[in-house]
Amino acid sequence: MSTVNIVTEDRVVVVGGEAINADFIFPSNLWAIQWDGLQGHAEWTDGPNTELTAADVDTYVTQWTDAKAAEEAVEDAEVLAESLRVKTYIELRTAAYPDMEEQLDMQYWDTINGTSTWLDLVTSIKTTYPKGA
């Protein structure tokens, strides 16, 4: 089992070095838990520290695992929502244009060679992503 550190006042459970802040359920007189993966103790507000077993800590690890899964589900939903969001024509055009240095280089060589590479590219992008679309 991983290390587990809890300070109830902060409502944070740290498992294996990863902290999750959630509405964990603790006994009202529990101050903290320290578990090194093999042994540990509970610190109480109204009495001496007590030794813990892995079974004592499992409840908090389960709560942490559930909270982590819920946190990841929210993150996944946010990523999905962003990927489904319709991008504006400005965002699409911005992503399609080459960087300014490359555009200036295209304009320079168009002037030297009498070509219209840059103008053709810009026209193509504006046609592909028309204003207001």
C-alpha atoms as a PDB file:
ATOM      1  CA  MET A   1       0.000   0.000   0.000  1.00  0.00           C
ATOM      2  CA  SER A   2       1.131   3.559  -0.696  1.00  0.00           C
ATOM      3  CA  THR A   3       1.922   6.196   1.864  1.00  0.00           C
ATOM      4  CA  VAL A   4      -1.109   8.040   3.208  1.00  0.00           C
ATOM      5  CA  ASN A   5      -1.099  11.418   4.928  1.00  0.00           C
ATOM      6  CA  ILE A   6      -4.206  13.175   6.168  1.00  0.00           C
ATOM      7  CA  VAL A   7      -4.806  16.398   8.032  1.00  0.00           C
ATOM      8  CA  THR A   8      -8.557  16.520   8.565  1.00  0.00           C
ATOM      9  CA  GLU A   9      -8.736  20.287   9.025  1.00  0.00           C
ATOM     10  CA  ASP A  10      -7.475  20.740   5.437  1.00  0.00           C
ATOM     11  CA  ARG A  11      -9.883  18.070   4.053  1.00  0.00           C
ATOM     12  CA  VAL A  12      -6.952  16.726   2.044  1.00  0.00           C
ATOM     13  CA  VAL A  13      -5.931  13.103   1.656  1.00  0.00           C
ATOM     14  CA  VAL A  14      -2.495  12.450   0.164  1.00  0.00           C
ATOM     15  CA  VAL A  15      -1.914   8.964  -1.256  1.00  0.00           C
ATOM     16  CA  GLY A  16       1.460   8.160  -2.745  1.00  0.00           C
ATOM     17  CA  GLY A  17       2.335  11.852  -2.791  1.00  0.00           C
ATOM     18  CA  GLU A  18      -0.780  12.896  -4.742  1.00  0.00           C
ATOM     19  CA  ALA A  19      -3.185  15.173  -2.878  1.00  0.00           C
ATOM     20  CA  ILE A  20      -6.928  15.317  -3.386  1.00  0.00           C
ATOM     21  CA  ASN A  21      -9.108  17.886  -1.655  1.00  0.00           C
ATOM     22  CA  ALA A  22     -12.691  16.685  -1.293  1.00  0.00           C
ATOM     23  CA  ASP A  23     -15.513  16.197   1.190  1.00  0.00           C
ATOM     24  CA  PHE A  24     -13.908  13.257   2.929  1.00  0.00           C
ATOM     25  CA  ILE A  25     -15.623  11.758   5.940  1.00  0.00           C
ATOM     26  CA  PHE A  26     -13.508  11.707   9.110  1.00  0.00           C
ATOM     27  CA  PRO A  27     -14.331  11.064  12.760  1.00  0.00           C
ATOM     28  CA  SER A  28     -14.879  14.439  14.401  1.00  0.00           C
ATOM     29  CA  ASN A  29     -12.009  13.901  16.858  1.00  0.00           C
ATOM     30  CA  LEU A  30      -9.432  12.773  14.266  1.00  0.00           C
ATOM     31  CA  TRP A  31      -6.652  15.309  13.741  1.00  0.00           C
ATOM     32  CA  ALA A  32      -4.315  13.489  11.331  1.00  0.00           C
ATOM     33  CA  ILE A  33      -3.189  10.160   9.923  1.00  0.00           C
ATOM     34  CA  GLN A  34       0.367   9.216   9.003  1.00  0.00           C
ATOM     35  CA  TRP A  35       0.906   5.930   7.144  1.00  0.00           C
ATOM     36  CA  ASP A  36       4.247   4.932   5.586  1.00  0.00           C
ATOM     37  CA  GLY A  37       2.870   2.047   3.544  1.00  0.00           C
ATOM     38  CA  LEU A  38       3.454  -0.563   6.235  1.00  0.00           C
ATOM     39  CA  GLN A  39       2.599   1.072   9.527  1.00  0.00           C
ATOM     40  CA  GLY A  40       1.290   4.303  10.912  1.00  0.00           C
ATOM     41  CA  HIS A  41      -0.731   6.114  13.507  1.00  0.00           C
ATOM     42  CA  ALA A  42      -3.791   8.281  13.984  1.00  0.00           C
ATOM     43  CA  GLU A  43      -3.513  11.538  15.894  1.00  0.00           C
ATOM     44  CA  TRP A  44      -6.595  12.449  17.924  1.00  0.00           C
ATOM     45  CA  THR A  45      -7.724  15.809  19.291  1.00  0.00           C
ATOM     46  CA  ASP A  46      -8.926  14.260  22.527  1.00  0.00           C
ATOM     47  CA  GLY A  47      -6.504  11.469  23.275  1.00  0.00           C
ATOM     48  CA  PRO A  48      -3.190   9.781  22.578  1.00  0.00           C
ATOM     49  CA  ASN A  49      -2.047   8.621  19.150  1.00  0.00           C
ATOM     50  CA  THR A  50      -3.140   5.114  18.173  1.00  0.00           C
ATOM     51  CA  GLU A  51      -1.427   2.600  15.923  1.00  0.00           C
ATOM     52  CA  LEU A  52      -3.162   1.807  12.610  1.00  0.00           C
ATOM     53  CA  THR A  53      -3.461  -1.254  10.419  1.00  0.00           C
ATOM     54  CA  ALA A  54      -3.792  -1.308   6.635  1.00  0.00           C
ATOM     55  CA  ALA A  55      -7.519  -1.995   7.087  1.00  0.00           C
ATOM     56  CA  ASP A  56      -7.852   1.245   9.090  1.00  0.00           C
ATOM     57  CA  VAL A  57      -6.321   3.229   6.249  1.00  0.00           C
ATOM     58  CA  ASP A  58      -8.179   1.435   3.415  1.00  0.00           C
ATOM     59  CA  THR A  59     -11.360   3.445   4.030  1.00  0.00           C
ATOM     60  CA  TYR A  60      -9.520   6.687   3.316  1.00  0.00           C
ATOM     61  CA  VAL A  61      -7.700   5.245   0.309  1.00  0.00           C
ATOM     62  CA  THR A  62     -11.081   4.166  -1.100  1.00  0.00           C
ATOM     63  CA  GLN A  63     -12.498   7.668  -0.545  1.00  0.00           C
ATOM     64  CA  TRP A  64      -9.378   9.142  -2.192  1.00  0.00           C
ATOM     65  CA  THR A  65      -9.698   6.751  -5.169  1.00  0.00           C
ATOM     66  CA  ASP A  66     -13.371   7.681  -5.625  1.00  0.00           C
ATOM     67  CA  ALA A  67     -12.587  11.404  -5.379  1.00  0.00           C
ATOM     68  CA  LYS A  68      -9.731  11.052  -7.881  1.00  0.00           C
ATOM     69  CA  ALA A  69     -12.010   9.204 -10.327  1.00  0.00           C
ATOM     70  CA  ALA A  70     -14.645  11.937  -9.978  1.00  0.00           C
ATOM     71  CA  GLU A  71     -11.999  14.638 -10.506  1.00  0.00           C
ATOM     72  CA  GLU A  72     -10.706  12.857 -13.633  1.00  0.00           C
ATOM     73  CA  ALA A  73     -14.260  12.454 -14.962  1.00  0.00           C
ATOM     74  CA  VAL A  74     -14.796  16.216 -14.661  1.00  0.00           C
ATOM     75  CA  GLU A  75     -11.481  16.879 -16.444  1.00  0.00           C
ATOM     76  CA  ASP A  76     -12.413  14.397 -19.203  1.00  0.00           C
ATOM     77  CA  ALA A  77     -15.809  16.076 -19.610  1.00  0.00           C
ATOM     78  CA  GLU A  78     -14.149  19.494 -19.897  1.00  0.00           C
ATOM     79  CA  VAL A  79     -11.724  18.194 -22.549  1.00  0.00           C
ATOM     80  CA  LEU A  80     -14.612  16.621 -24.469  1.00  0.00           C
ATOM     81  CA  ALA A  81     -16.681  19.802 -24.254  1.00  0.00           C
ATOM     82  CA  GLU A  82     -13.757  21.843 -25.598  1.00  0.00           C
ATOM     83  CA  SER A  83     -13.182  19.393 -28.442  1.00  0.00           C
ATOM     84  CA  LEU A  84     -16.875  19.570 -29.393  1.00  0.00           C
ATOM     85  CA  ARG A  85     -17.021  23.350 -29.172  1.00  0.00           C
ATOM     86  CA  VAL A  86     -17.445  24.919 -32.566  1.00  0.00           C
ATOM     87  CA  LYS A  87     -14.388  27.006 -33.250  1.00  0.00           C
ATOM     88  CA  THR A  88     -14.850  30.491 -34.654  1.00  0.00           C
ATOM     89  CA  TYR A  89     -13.552  31.369 -38.099  1.00  0.00           C
ATOM     90  CA  ILE A  90     -10.897  33.505 -36.387  1.00  0.00           C
ATOM     91  CA  GLU A  91      -9.571  30.519 -34.400  1.00  0.00           C
ATOM     92  CA  LEU A  92      -9.580  28.341 -37.520  1.00  0.00           C
ATOM     93  CA  ARG A  93      -7.803  30.959 -39.616  1.00  0.00           C
ATOM     94  CA  THR A  94      -5.261  31.653 -36.892  1.00  0.00           C
ATOM     95  CA  ALA A  95      -4.390  27.953 -36.697  1.00  0.00           C
ATOM     96  CA  ALA A  96      -4.070  27.720 -40.505  1.00  0.00           C
ATOM     97  CA  TYR A  97      -1.810  30.729 -41.081  1.00  0.00           C
ATOM     98  CA  PRO A  98       1.948  30.098 -40.985  1.00  0.00           C
ATOM     99  CA  ASP A  99       3.918  32.138 -38.461  1.00  0.00           C
ATOM    100  CA  MET A 100       4.699  35.762 -39.350  1.00  0.00           C
ATOM    101  CA  GLU A 101       8.365  35.063 -40.154  1.00  0.00           C
ATOM    102  CA  GLU A 102       7.365  32.495 -42.769  1.00  0.00           C
ATOM    103  CA  GLN A 103       4.725  34.824 -44.246  1.00  0.00           C
ATOM    104  CA  LEU A 104       7.253  37.648 -44.574  1.00  0.00           C
ATOM    105  CA  ASP A 105       9.681  35.252 -46.247  1.00  0.00           C
ATOM    106  CA  MET A 106       6.941  34.226 -48.700  1.00  0.00           C
ATOM    107  CA  GLN A 107       6.203  37.877 -49.485  1.00  0.00           C
ATOM    108  CA  TYR A 108       9.906  38.597 -50.055  1.00  0.00           C
ATOM    109  CA  TRP A 109      10.324  35.695 -52.473  1.00  0.00           C
ATOM    110  CA  ASP A 110       7.049  36.540 -54.209  1.00  0.00           C
ATOM    111  CA  THR A 111       8.455  40.028 -54.840  1.00  0.00           C
ATOM    112  CA  ILE A 112      11.788  38.665 -56.087  1.00  0.00           C
ATOM    113  CA  ASN A 113      10.256  35.920 -58.256  1.00  0.00           C
ATOM    114  CA  GLY A 114       7.104  37.704 -59.402  1.00  0.00           C
ATOM    115  CA  THR A 115       4.945  34.981 -57.853  1.00  0.00           C
ATOM    116  CA  SER A 116       1.837  35.075 -55.637  1.00  0.00           C
ATOM    117  CA  THR A 117       2.483  32.206 -53.189  1.00  0.00           C
ATOM    118  CA  TRP A 118       1.620  34.252 -50.105  1.00  0.00           C
ATOM    119  CA  LEU A 119      -1.509  35.818 -51.635  1.00  0.00           C
ATOM    120  CA  ASP A 120      -2.674  32.384 -52.866  1.00  0.00           C
ATOM    121  CA  LEU A 121      -2.220  30.921 -49.382  1.00  0.00           C
ATOM    122  CA  VAL A 122      -4.086  33.753 -47.635  1.00  0.00           C
ATOM    123  CA  THR A 123      -6.892  33.587 -50.216  1.00  0.00           C
ATOM    124  CA  SER A 124      -7.165  29.825 -49.737  1.00  0.00           C
ATOM    125  CA  ILE A 125      -7.398  30.193 -45.935  1.00  0.00           C
ATOM    126  CA  LYS A 126      -9.969  32.976 -46.164  1.00  0.00           C
ATOM    127  CA  THR A 127     -12.009  30.909 -48.640  1.00  0.00           C
ATOM    128  CA  THR A 128     -11.792  27.774 -46.506  1.00  0.00           C
ATOM    129  CA  TYR A 129     -12.777  29.655 -43.339  1.00  0.00           C
ATOM    130  CA  PRO A 130     -15.037  32.515 -44.481  1.00  0.00           C
ATOM    131  CA  LYS A 131     -15.882  35.371 -42.174  1.00  0.00           C
ATOM    132  CA  GLY A 132     -18.962  34.706 -40.090  1.00  0.00           C
ATOM    133  CA  ALA A 133     -18.831  30.927 -40.601  1.00  0.00           C
END
